[in-house]
Amino acid sequence: MIKYKLICKKCNLTFDSWFGSSNEYEKLKNKNLLSCHSCNSVKVEKTIMAPKLINKKSSEQTPEEIYRSNKIKSTIKNFQKFIKKNFEYVGENFTYEARSIHYDKKKKEKGIYGTASNEDLKELKEEGIDAQMIPWIDDKSN
């Protein structure tokens, strides 16, 4: 996701909008699907933006950023609890176990979780095996 600050060239209203990618913005712009929510003009452009850089001196978060960060962490932890409770941990054997379940019709389909590289996940997908990558927060860092 990427956030752009946009400006309406007709009424000079500035507003923020989120896009899946910079290419997504360009596609919508080229098809005249971006419009000002005040005057409905399609003469909407990106404004000059500066990236928000975080360094040791400016690492303070706003209350809104802290809330959002804590909410995301809480959601991830809840997913992790659900996965640990309902799926079998297979560790580094994830790719092997996923293939075993997929190709051995006698094996009971049981949900598993573990570790796999991006390349392993790509190969599983090419074989028609559904596997997802999710963010994981190490319990030690909580």
N, C-alpha and C. Protein backbone atom coordinates (compact mmCIF):
# COMPACT_ATOMS: atom_id res chain seq x y z
N MET A 1 0.84 -1.17 0.00
CA MET A 1 0.00 0.00 0.00
C MET A 1 0.89 1.24 0.00
N ILE A 2 0.41 2.27 -0.67
CA ILE A 2 1.12 3.53 -0.72
C ILE A 2 0.11 4.66 -0.56
N LYS A 3 0.51 5.66 0.20
CA LYS A 3 -0.38 6.81 0.45
C LYS A 3 0.18 8.01 -0.30
N TYR A 4 -0.69 8.65 -1.07
CA TYR A 4 -0.32 9.86 -1.79
C TYR A 4 -1.14 11.04 -1.29
N LYS A 5 -0.52 12.19 -1.26
CA LYS A 5 -1.23 13.44 -1.02
C LYS A 5 -1.61 13.95 -2.40
N LEU A 6 -2.89 14.13 -2.63
CA LEU A 6 -3.40 14.55 -3.93
C LEU A 6 -3.93 15.97 -3.84
N ILE A 7 -3.96 16.64 -5.00
CA ILE A 7 -4.52 17.99 -5.07
C ILE A 7 -5.46 18.08 -6.27
N CYS A 8 -6.58 18.71 -6.06
CA CYS A 8 -7.53 18.95 -7.15
C CYS A 8 -7.10 20.25 -7.83
N LYS A 9 -6.84 20.20 -9.11
CA LYS A 9 -6.39 21.37 -9.86
C LYS A 9 -7.53 22.36 -10.10
N LYS A 10 -8.78 21.91 -9.89
CA LYS A 10 -9.92 22.79 -10.11
C LYS A 10 -10.24 23.62 -8.86
N CYS A 11 -10.32 22.96 -7.68
CA CYS A 11 -10.71 23.69 -6.47
C CYS A 11 -9.58 23.81 -5.45
N ASN A 12 -8.40 23.27 -5.77
CA ASN A 12 -7.19 23.32 -4.92
C ASN A 12 -7.34 22.58 -3.59
N LEU A 13 -8.28 21.67 -3.48
CA LEU A 13 -8.42 20.86 -2.28
C LEU A 13 -7.29 19.83 -2.25
N THR A 14 -6.64 19.67 -1.10
CA THR A 14 -5.64 18.61 -0.95
C THR A 14 -6.22 17.54 -0.04
N PHE A 15 -5.93 16.28 -0.37
CA PHE A 15 -6.43 15.16 0.42
C PHE A 15 -5.51 13.97 0.22
N ASP A 16 -5.56 13.04 1.17
CA ASP A 16 -4.75 11.83 1.11
C ASP A 16 -5.58 10.69 0.54
N SER A 17 -4.91 9.80 -0.17
CA SER A 17 -5.58 8.61 -0.68
C SER A 17 -4.60 7.45 -0.72
N TRP A 18 -5.10 6.25 -0.44
CA TRP A 18 -4.27 5.04 -0.44
C TRP A 18 -4.46 4.28 -1.75
N PHE A 19 -3.36 3.68 -2.23
CA PHE A 19 -3.38 2.88 -3.46
C PHE A 19 -2.60 1.59 -3.23
N GLY A 20 -2.95 0.57 -3.97
CA GLY A 20 -2.25 -0.70 -3.86
C GLY A 20 -0.78 -0.59 -4.23
N SER A 21 -0.48 0.29 -5.17
CA SER A 21 0.90 0.50 -5.62
C SER A 21 0.93 1.79 -6.44
N SER A 22 2.12 2.23 -6.80
CA SER A 22 2.22 3.42 -7.64
C SER A 22 1.63 3.13 -9.02
N ASN A 23 1.76 1.88 -9.48
CA ASN A 23 1.16 1.50 -10.77
C ASN A 23 -0.37 1.58 -10.71
N GLU A 24 -0.93 1.21 -9.56
CA GLU A 24 -2.39 1.27 -9.40
C GLU A 24 -2.87 2.72 -9.51
N TYR A 25 -2.12 3.65 -8.90
CA TYR A 25 -2.46 5.06 -9.02
C TYR A 25 -2.46 5.47 -10.49
N GLU A 26 -1.40 5.10 -11.21
CA GLU A 26 -1.28 5.49 -12.62
C GLU A 26 -2.43 4.93 -13.46
N LYS A 27 -2.80 3.68 -13.21
CA LYS A 27 -3.92 3.07 -13.95
C LYS A 27 -5.21 3.84 -13.73
N LEU A 28 -5.51 4.13 -12.46
CA LEU A 28 -6.73 4.87 -12.14
C LEU A 28 -6.70 6.27 -12.74
N LYS A 29 -5.56 6.90 -12.69
CA LYS A 29 -5.40 8.26 -13.22
C LYS A 29 -5.63 8.25 -14.74
N ASN A 30 -5.01 7.30 -15.43
CA ASN A 30 -5.14 7.21 -16.89
C ASN A 30 -6.57 6.91 -17.34
N LYS A 31 -7.34 6.23 -16.51
CA LYS A 31 -8.73 5.91 -16.85
C LYS A 31 -9.71 6.97 -16.33
N ASN A 32 -9.17 8.08 -15.81
CA ASN A 32 -9.99 9.16 -15.25
C ASN A 32 -10.94 8.66 -14.16
N LEU A 33 -10.44 7.75 -13.32
CA LEU A 33 -11.25 7.22 -12.23
C LEU A 33 -10.95 7.89 -10.89
N LEU A 34 -10.00 8.82 -10.89
CA LEU A 34 -9.71 9.60 -9.68
C LEU A 34 -10.47 10.91 -9.77
N SER A 35 -11.18 11.23 -8.70
CA SER A 35 -11.92 12.49 -8.72
C SER A 35 -11.86 13.16 -7.37
N CYS A 36 -12.05 14.44 -7.38
CA CYS A 36 -12.09 15.24 -6.16
C CYS A 36 -13.42 14.97 -5.46
N HIS A 37 -13.36 14.72 -4.17
CA HIS A 37 -14.60 14.45 -3.45
C HIS A 37 -15.36 15.72 -3.09
N SER A 38 -14.79 16.87 -3.42
CA SER A 38 -15.48 18.13 -3.17
C SER A 38 -16.22 18.63 -4.41
N CYS A 39 -15.48 18.68 -5.56
CA CYS A 39 -16.09 19.26 -6.76
C CYS A 39 -16.28 18.23 -7.89
N ASN A 40 -15.89 16.97 -7.65
CA ASN A 40 -16.01 15.87 -8.61
C ASN A 40 -15.16 16.03 -9.87
N SER A 41 -14.21 16.94 -9.86
CA SER A 41 -13.31 17.10 -11.00
C SER A 41 -12.36 15.91 -11.08
N VAL A 42 -12.00 15.51 -12.30
CA VAL A 42 -11.01 14.44 -12.48
C VAL A 42 -9.61 15.02 -12.68
N LYS A 43 -9.47 16.32 -12.51
CA LYS A 43 -8.17 16.98 -12.62
C LYS A 43 -7.46 16.89 -11.27
N VAL A 44 -7.12 15.66 -10.90
CA VAL A 44 -6.47 15.37 -9.62
C VAL A 44 -5.05 14.92 -9.90
N GLU A 45 -4.10 15.47 -9.17
CA GLU A 45 -2.68 15.15 -9.36
C GLU A 45 -2.03 14.84 -8.02
N LYS A 46 -0.91 14.14 -8.07
CA LYS A 46 -0.11 13.93 -6.87
C LYS A 46 0.62 15.22 -6.55
N THR A 47 0.81 15.51 -5.27
CA THR A 47 1.62 16.65 -4.87
C THR A 47 3.02 16.15 -4.54
N ILE A 48 3.93 17.06 -4.38
CA ILE A 48 5.29 16.68 -3.97
C ILE A 48 5.22 16.20 -2.53
N MET A 49 5.84 15.07 -2.30
CA MET A 49 5.80 14.48 -0.97
C MET A 49 7.20 14.18 -0.49
N ALA A 50 7.42 14.27 0.79
CA ALA A 50 8.68 13.88 1.39
C ALA A 50 8.44 12.61 2.19
N PRO A 51 9.30 11.62 2.04
CA PRO A 51 9.10 10.39 2.81
C PRO A 51 9.30 10.65 4.29
N LYS A 52 8.60 9.89 5.11
CA LYS A 52 8.78 10.03 6.55
C LYS A 52 9.92 9.11 6.95
N LEU A 53 11.02 9.70 7.33
CA LEU A 53 12.20 8.94 7.73
C LEU A 53 12.26 8.89 9.24
N ILE A 54 12.63 7.73 9.74
CA ILE A 54 12.74 7.57 11.18
C ILE A 54 14.20 7.31 11.50
N ASN A 55 14.75 8.12 12.37
CA ASN A 55 16.09 7.87 12.85
C ASN A 55 16.06 7.92 14.37
N LYS A 56 17.21 7.77 14.99
CA LYS A 56 17.24 7.72 16.46
C LYS A 56 16.69 8.99 17.08
N LYS A 57 16.93 10.14 16.46
CA LYS A 57 16.48 11.40 17.01
C LYS A 57 14.98 11.60 16.83
N SER A 58 14.41 11.08 15.73
CA SER A 58 12.99 11.33 15.45
C SER A 58 12.16 10.06 15.51
N SER A 59 12.52 9.14 16.42
CA SER A 59 11.82 7.86 16.48
C SER A 59 10.56 7.91 17.33
N GLU A 60 10.21 9.10 17.85
CA GLU A 60 8.98 9.21 18.64
C GLU A 60 7.77 9.05 17.75
N GLN A 61 6.83 8.22 18.21
CA GLN A 61 5.60 8.00 17.46
C GLN A 61 4.49 8.86 18.04
N THR A 62 3.59 9.23 17.17
CA THR A 62 2.41 9.97 17.64
C THR A 62 1.50 8.98 18.36
N PRO A 63 0.59 9.46 19.20
CA PRO A 63 -0.35 8.56 19.87
C PRO A 63 -1.15 7.70 18.87
N GLU A 64 -1.51 8.30 17.74
CA GLU A 64 -2.25 7.55 16.71
C GLU A 64 -1.39 6.42 16.14
N GLU A 65 -0.11 6.69 15.89
CA GLU A 65 0.79 5.65 15.37
C GLU A 65 1.01 4.54 16.39
N ILE A 66 1.13 4.91 17.65
CA ILE A 66 1.30 3.91 18.71
C ILE A 66 0.06 3.04 18.80
N TYR A 67 -1.13 3.66 18.77
CA TYR A 67 -2.39 2.92 18.83
C TYR A 67 -2.49 1.93 17.66
N ARG A 68 -2.20 2.44 16.44
CA ARG A 68 -2.28 1.61 15.24
C ARG A 68 -1.30 0.44 15.33
N SER A 69 -0.08 0.73 15.76
CA SER A 69 0.95 -0.30 15.89
C SER A 69 0.52 -1.36 16.91
N ASN A 70 0.01 -0.93 18.06
CA ASN A 70 -0.44 -1.88 19.09
C ASN A 70 -1.62 -2.70 18.60
N LYS A 71 -2.53 -2.08 17.84
CA LYS A 71 -3.70 -2.79 17.31
C LYS A 71 -3.25 -3.87 16.31
N ILE A 72 -2.29 -3.53 15.47
CA ILE A 72 -1.77 -4.51 14.50
C ILE A 72 -1.09 -5.66 15.23
N LYS A 73 -0.26 -5.34 16.22
CA LYS A 73 0.42 -6.40 16.99
C LYS A 73 -0.59 -7.30 17.68
N SER A 74 -1.63 -6.71 18.25
CA SER A 74 -2.66 -7.48 18.94
C SER A 74 -3.37 -8.42 17.97
N THR A 75 -3.69 -7.92 16.78
CA THR A 75 -4.35 -8.75 15.77
C THR A 75 -3.46 -9.92 15.35
N ILE A 76 -2.18 -9.64 15.13
CA ILE A 76 -1.23 -10.70 14.74
C ILE A 76 -1.12 -11.74 15.86
N LYS A 77 -1.04 -11.29 17.11
CA LYS A 77 -0.95 -12.23 18.23
C LYS A 77 -2.20 -13.10 18.32
N ASN A 78 -3.37 -12.52 18.06
CA ASN A 78 -4.60 -13.32 18.08
C ASN A 78 -4.60 -14.37 16.98
N PHE A 79 -4.11 -14.01 15.79
CA PHE A 79 -3.98 -14.99 14.71
C PHE A 79 -3.03 -16.10 15.14
N GLN A 80 -1.91 -15.72 15.75
CA GLN A 80 -0.93 -16.71 16.18
C GLN A 80 -1.52 -17.68 17.19
N LYS A 81 -2.29 -17.18 18.16
CA LYS A 81 -2.92 -18.05 19.15
C LYS A 81 -3.86 -19.04 18.46
N PHE A 82 -4.66 -18.53 17.50
CA PHE A 82 -5.58 -19.40 16.78
C PHE A 82 -4.82 -20.48 16.01
N ILE A 83 -3.76 -20.08 15.32
CA ILE A 83 -2.98 -21.03 14.53
C ILE A 83 -2.33 -22.08 15.42
N LYS A 84 -1.72 -21.66 16.53
CA LYS A 84 -1.07 -22.60 17.44
C LYS A 84 -2.07 -23.60 18.02
N LYS A 85 -3.29 -23.13 18.27
CA LYS A 85 -4.31 -23.98 18.86
C LYS A 85 -4.90 -24.97 17.85
N ASN A 86 -5.02 -24.56 16.57
CA ASN A 86 -5.78 -25.35 15.59
C ASN A 86 -4.94 -26.01 14.51
N PHE A 87 -3.65 -25.75 14.45
CA PHE A 87 -2.81 -26.31 13.41
C PHE A 87 -1.59 -26.98 14.03
N GLU A 88 -1.00 -27.90 13.27
CA GLU A 88 0.18 -28.62 13.74
C GLU A 88 1.44 -27.90 13.27
N TYR A 89 2.36 -27.67 14.21
CA TYR A 89 3.63 -27.03 13.87
C TYR A 89 4.59 -28.07 13.29
N VAL A 90 5.08 -27.82 12.07
CA VAL A 90 6.00 -28.75 11.41
C VAL A 90 7.37 -28.13 11.17
N GLY A 91 7.57 -26.92 11.61
CA GLY A 91 8.88 -26.26 11.54
C GLY A 91 9.43 -26.15 10.13
N GLU A 92 10.69 -26.52 9.98
CA GLU A 92 11.39 -26.44 8.69
C GLU A 92 10.85 -27.45 7.68
N ASN A 93 10.05 -28.40 8.12
CA ASN A 93 9.49 -29.44 7.23
C ASN A 93 8.20 -28.99 6.55
N PHE A 94 7.88 -27.72 6.62
CA PHE A 94 6.61 -27.24 6.09
C PHE A 94 6.40 -27.63 4.62
N THR A 95 7.39 -27.37 3.77
CA THR A 95 7.24 -27.66 2.34
C THR A 95 7.00 -29.15 2.10
N TYR A 96 7.78 -29.99 2.77
CA TYR A 96 7.63 -31.44 2.63
C TYR A 96 6.23 -31.88 3.09
N GLU A 97 5.81 -31.41 4.25
CA GLU A 97 4.51 -31.80 4.80
C GLU A 97 3.36 -31.30 3.92
N ALA A 98 3.48 -30.10 3.39
CA ALA A 98 2.43 -29.56 2.52
C ALA A 98 2.28 -30.43 1.27
N ARG A 99 3.40 -30.84 0.70
CA ARG A 99 3.34 -31.72 -0.48
C ARG A 99 2.75 -33.07 -0.12
N SER A 100 3.14 -33.61 1.04
CA SER A 100 2.62 -34.91 1.48
C SER A 100 1.11 -34.88 1.59
N ILE A 101 0.59 -33.85 2.22
CA ILE A 101 -0.86 -33.73 2.38
C ILE A 101 -1.53 -33.59 1.02
N HIS A 102 -0.93 -32.81 0.14
CA HIS A 102 -1.54 -32.53 -1.17
C HIS A 102 -1.55 -33.77 -2.06
N TYR A 103 -0.42 -34.51 -2.11
CA TYR A 103 -0.31 -35.61 -3.07
C TYR A 103 -0.76 -36.97 -2.52
N ASP A 104 -0.75 -37.16 -1.23
CA ASP A 104 -1.15 -38.44 -0.64
C ASP A 104 -2.60 -38.35 -0.21
N LYS A 105 -3.48 -38.88 -1.04
CA LYS A 105 -4.91 -38.77 -0.78
C LYS A 105 -5.33 -39.51 0.49
N LYS A 106 -4.52 -40.47 0.94
CA LYS A 106 -4.85 -41.22 2.15
C LYS A 106 -4.56 -40.40 3.41
N LYS A 107 -3.66 -39.44 3.27
CA LYS A 107 -3.33 -38.61 4.44
C LYS A 107 -4.48 -37.70 4.77
N LYS A 108 -4.74 -37.61 6.04
CA LYS A 108 -5.81 -36.74 6.51
C LYS A 108 -5.39 -35.29 6.29
N GLU A 109 -6.29 -34.49 5.71
CA GLU A 109 -5.99 -33.07 5.50
C GLU A 109 -6.04 -32.38 6.84
N LYS A 110 -4.88 -32.03 7.34
CA LYS A 110 -4.81 -31.32 8.61
C LYS A 110 -4.02 -30.05 8.38
N GLY A 111 -4.48 -28.97 8.96
CA GLY A 111 -3.77 -27.71 8.82
C GLY A 111 -2.40 -27.76 9.48
N ILE A 112 -1.43 -27.20 8.82
CA ILE A 112 -0.07 -27.17 9.36
C ILE A 112 0.46 -25.74 9.26
N TYR A 113 1.48 -25.47 10.06
CA TYR A 113 2.21 -24.22 9.91
C TYR A 113 3.68 -24.49 10.22
N GLY A 114 4.51 -23.65 9.65
CA GLY A 114 5.95 -23.82 9.84
C GLY A 114 6.69 -22.76 9.06
N THR A 115 7.91 -23.11 8.67
CA THR A 115 8.78 -22.15 8.00
C THR A 115 9.05 -22.60 6.57
N ALA A 116 9.02 -21.62 5.66
CA ALA A 116 9.34 -21.89 4.25
C ALA A 116 9.90 -20.61 3.64
N SER A 117 10.76 -20.77 2.67
CA SER A 117 11.31 -19.60 1.99
C SER A 117 10.31 -19.09 0.95
N ASN A 118 10.54 -17.90 0.46
CA ASN A 118 9.69 -17.36 -0.61
C ASN A 118 9.73 -18.26 -1.83
N GLU A 119 10.91 -18.79 -2.13
CA GLU A 119 11.05 -19.68 -3.29
C GLU A 119 10.23 -20.96 -3.08
N ASP A 120 10.27 -21.52 -1.87
CA ASP A 120 9.47 -22.71 -1.57
C ASP A 120 7.98 -22.43 -1.75
N LEU A 121 7.53 -21.29 -1.25
CA LEU A 121 6.11 -20.93 -1.38
C LEU A 121 5.72 -20.75 -2.84
N LYS A 122 6.62 -20.18 -3.63
CA LYS A 122 6.35 -20.00 -5.06
C LYS A 122 6.20 -21.36 -5.74
N GLU A 123 7.08 -22.30 -5.41
CA GLU A 123 7.02 -23.63 -6.00
C GLU A 123 5.72 -24.35 -5.59
N LEU A 124 5.35 -24.22 -4.31
CA LEU A 124 4.10 -24.84 -3.86
C LEU A 124 2.91 -24.28 -4.64
N LYS A 125 2.89 -22.99 -4.83
CA LYS A 125 1.80 -22.34 -5.57
C LYS A 125 1.75 -22.86 -7.00
N GLU A 126 2.92 -23.00 -7.63
CA GLU A 126 2.97 -23.51 -9.01
C GLU A 126 2.44 -24.94 -9.11
N GLU A 127 2.56 -25.69 -8.01
CA GLU A 127 2.06 -27.07 -7.97
C GLU A 127 0.58 -27.13 -7.60
N GLY A 128 -0.01 -25.97 -7.34
CA GLY A 128 -1.43 -25.93 -6.98
C GLY A 128 -1.69 -26.17 -5.50
N ILE A 129 -0.65 -26.00 -4.69
CA ILE A 129 -0.78 -26.20 -3.25
C ILE A 129 -0.96 -24.85 -2.59
N ASP A 130 -2.06 -24.70 -1.86
CA ASP A 130 -2.37 -23.43 -1.22
C ASP A 130 -1.55 -23.27 0.05
N ALA A 131 -0.70 -22.26 0.09
CA ALA A 131 0.10 -21.94 1.27
C ALA A 131 0.20 -20.42 1.35
N GLN A 132 0.06 -19.92 2.54
CA GLN A 132 0.09 -18.47 2.75
C GLN A 132 1.21 -18.10 3.71
N MET A 133 1.77 -16.90 3.48
CA MET A 133 2.75 -16.37 4.41
C MET A 133 2.03 -15.34 5.27
N ILE A 134 2.25 -15.42 6.57
CA ILE A 134 1.65 -14.45 7.46
C ILE A 134 2.75 -13.86 8.35
N PRO A 135 2.55 -12.63 8.82
CA PRO A 135 3.55 -12.06 9.73
C PRO A 135 3.55 -12.83 11.04
N TRP A 136 4.70 -12.96 11.66
CA TRP A 136 4.81 -13.70 12.90
C TRP A 136 5.64 -12.89 13.88
N ILE A 137 5.11 -12.68 15.07
CA ILE A 137 5.83 -11.96 16.11
C ILE A 137 6.42 -12.98 17.06
N ASP A 138 7.72 -12.93 17.23
CA ASP A 138 8.41 -13.85 18.13
C ASP A 138 7.94 -13.60 19.56
N ASP A 139 7.54 -14.65 20.26
CA ASP A 139 7.04 -14.53 21.63
C ASP A 139 8.04 -13.86 22.55
N LYS A 140 9.33 -14.05 22.31
CA LYS A 140 10.37 -13.47 23.16
C LYS A 140 10.41 -11.95 23.09
N SER A 141 9.94 -11.39 21.95
CA SER A 141 9.99 -9.95 21.79
C SER A 141 8.74 -9.23 22.30
N ASN A 142 7.79 -9.99 22.84
CA ASN A 142 6.52 -9.40 23.31
C ASN A 142 6.69 -8.79 24.67
